[in-house]
C-alpha atoms as a PDB file:
ATOM      1  CA  UNK A   1      -8.530   4.586  -9.807  1.00  0.00           C
ATOM      2  CA  UNK A   2      -5.892   6.685  -7.832  1.00  0.00           C
ATOM      3  CA  UNK A   3      -4.350   9.936 -10.086  1.00  0.00           C
ATOM      4  CA  UNK A   4      -0.487   8.951 -11.452  1.00  0.00           C
ATOM      5  CA  UNK A   5       0.631  12.390  -9.970  1.00  0.00           C
ATOM      6  CA  UNK A   6      -0.669  10.979  -6.731  1.00  0.00           C
ATOM      7  CA  UNK A   7       0.850   7.414  -6.656  1.00  0.00           C
ATOM      8  CA  UNK A   8       4.513   8.686  -7.862  1.00  0.00           C
ATOM      9  CA  UNK A   9       4.433  11.415  -4.098  1.00  0.00           C
ATOM     10  CA  UNK A  10       2.783   8.663  -2.306  1.00  0.00           C
ATOM     11  CA  UNK A  11       6.091   6.298   0.123  1.00  0.00           C
ATOM     12  CA  UNK A  12       5.823   3.948   2.812  1.00  0.00           C
ATOM     13  CA  UNK A  13       4.954   6.245   6.070  1.00  0.00           C
ATOM     14  CA  UNK A  14       7.320   3.302   7.911  1.00  0.00           C
ATOM     15  CA  UNK A  15      10.155   3.917   5.787  1.00  0.00           C
ATOM     16  CA  UNK A  16      10.860   7.170   4.397  1.00  0.00           C
ATOM     17  CA  UNK A  17      13.203   8.607   7.069  1.00  0.00           C
ATOM     18  CA  UNK A  18      15.493   5.806   5.984  1.00  0.00           C
ATOM     19  CA  UNK A  19      15.215   4.355   2.461  1.00  0.00           C
ATOM     20  CA  UNK A  20      12.895   5.728  -0.166  1.00  0.00           C
ATOM     21  CA  UNK A  21       9.974   3.851   0.625  1.00  0.00           C
ATOM     22  CA  UNK A  22       9.221   3.480  -3.379  1.00  0.00           C
ATOM     23  CA  UNK A  23       5.282   1.697  -3.220  1.00  0.00           C
ATOM     24  CA  UNK A  24       4.447  -0.346  -6.141  1.00  0.00           C
ATOM     25  CA  UNK A  25       1.220  -0.885  -7.272  1.00  0.00           C
ATOM     26  CA  UNK A  26      -0.481  -4.163  -6.836  1.00  0.00           C
ATOM     27  CA  UNK A  27      -3.949  -5.617  -8.287  1.00  0.00           C
ATOM     28  CA  UNK A  28      -4.414  -1.371  -8.506  1.00  0.00           C
ATOM     29  CA  UNK A  29      -6.092  -2.255  -5.076  1.00  0.00           C
ATOM     30  CA  UNK A  30      -2.525  -2.431  -3.552  1.00  0.00           C
ATOM     31  CA  UNK A  31      -0.086  -0.289  -2.800  1.00  0.00           C
ATOM     32  CA  UNK A  32       3.198  -2.493  -1.632  1.00  0.00           C
ATOM     33  CA  UNK A  33       6.191  -0.926  -0.186  1.00  0.00           C
ATOM     34  CA  UNK A  34       9.099  -2.000  -1.786  1.00  0.00           C
ATOM     35  CA  UNK A  35      11.318  -1.872   0.884  1.00  0.00           C
ATOM     36  CA  UNK A  36       9.483  -3.177   3.905  1.00  0.00           C
ATOM     37  CA  UNK A  37       7.222  -5.371   1.789  1.00  0.00           C
ATOM     38  CA  UNK A  38       4.153  -3.893   3.899  1.00  0.00           C
ATOM     39  CA  UNK A  39       1.047  -3.690   1.436  1.00  0.00           C
ATOM     40  CA  UNK A  40      -1.683  -0.652   2.045  1.00  0.00           C
ATOM     41  CA  UNK A  41      -5.151  -0.866   0.779  1.00  0.00           C
ATOM     42  CA  UNK A  42      -6.519   1.396  -0.902  1.00  0.00           C
ATOM     43  CA  UNK A  43     -10.207   1.853  -0.832  1.00  0.00           C
ATOM     44  CA  UNK A  44     -12.549   3.542  -3.070  1.00  0.00           C
ATOM     45  CA  UNK A  45     -10.282   5.021  -5.048  1.00  0.00           C
ATOM     46  CA  UNK A  46      -8.448   6.395  -1.925  1.00  0.00           C
ATOM     47  CA  UNK A  47      -5.245   5.017  -0.293  1.00  0.00           C
ATOM     48  CA  UNK A  48      -4.932   3.904   3.447  1.00  0.00           C
ATOM     49  CA  UNK A  49      -1.456   5.311   4.978  1.00  0.00           C
ATOM     50  CA  UNK A  50      -2.097   3.571   8.220  1.00  0.00           C
ATOM     51  CA  UNK A  51       0.818   2.093   8.846  1.00  0.00           C
ATOM     52  CA  UNK A  52      -1.362  -0.109  11.910  1.00  0.00           C
ATOM     53  CA  UNK A  53      -3.083  -1.150   8.452  1.00  0.00           C
ATOM     54  CA  UNK A  54       0.224  -1.776   6.103  1.00  0.00           C
ATOM     55  CA  UNK A  55       1.739  -4.401   8.622  1.00  0.00           C
ATOM     56  CA  UNK A  56      -1.582  -6.317   8.528  1.00  0.00           C
ATOM     57  CA  UNK A  57      -0.764  -8.037   4.675  1.00  0.00           C
ATOM     58  CA  UNK A  58       2.892  -7.717   5.651  1.00  0.00           C
ATOM     59  CA  UNK A  59       2.817 -11.560   5.102  1.00  0.00           C
ATOM     60  CA  UNK A  60       0.721 -12.065   3.311  1.00  0.00           C
ATOM     61  CA  UNK A  61       2.005 -12.780  -0.579  1.00  0.00           C
ATOM     62  CA  UNK A  62       0.720 -10.194  -3.358  1.00  0.00           C
ATOM     63  CA  UNK A  63      -0.715 -12.757  -4.862  1.00  0.00           C
ATOM     64  CA  UNK A  64      -2.846 -13.595  -2.883  1.00  0.00           C
ATOM     65  CA  UNK A  65      -4.373  -9.721  -1.682  1.00  0.00           C
ATOM     66  CA  UNK A  66      -8.012  -9.734  -1.619  1.00  0.00           C
ATOM     67  CA  UNK A  67      -9.533  -8.177  -4.017  1.00  0.00           C
ATOM     68  CA  UNK A  68     -11.501  -5.421  -3.423  1.00  0.00           C
ATOM     69  CA  UNK A  69      -9.430  -4.670  -0.450  1.00  0.00           C
ATOM     70  CA  UNK A  70     -12.273  -5.229   3.076  1.00  0.00           C
ATOM     71  CA  UNK A  71     -13.737  -2.548   4.055  1.00  0.00           C
ATOM     72  CA  UNK A  72     -11.261  -0.696   7.193  1.00  0.00           C
ATOM     73  CA  UNK A  73     -12.493  -1.260  10.436  1.00  0.00           C
END
């Protein structure tokens, strides 16, 4: 489980320079950007905040995200 303190400070690395880049925790295993819709997986309690990884899921609706997220390649 990702700590609440960490969730408060994490921001979308793609959006943070232009907007707030706020993230919502979805299904306890994904962080979804409110601005761009990129979805960052949380793997073994570690958020994977790579823009390329978040972009892989941009067209997937939040309710269709797999739980648990697939392994990072």
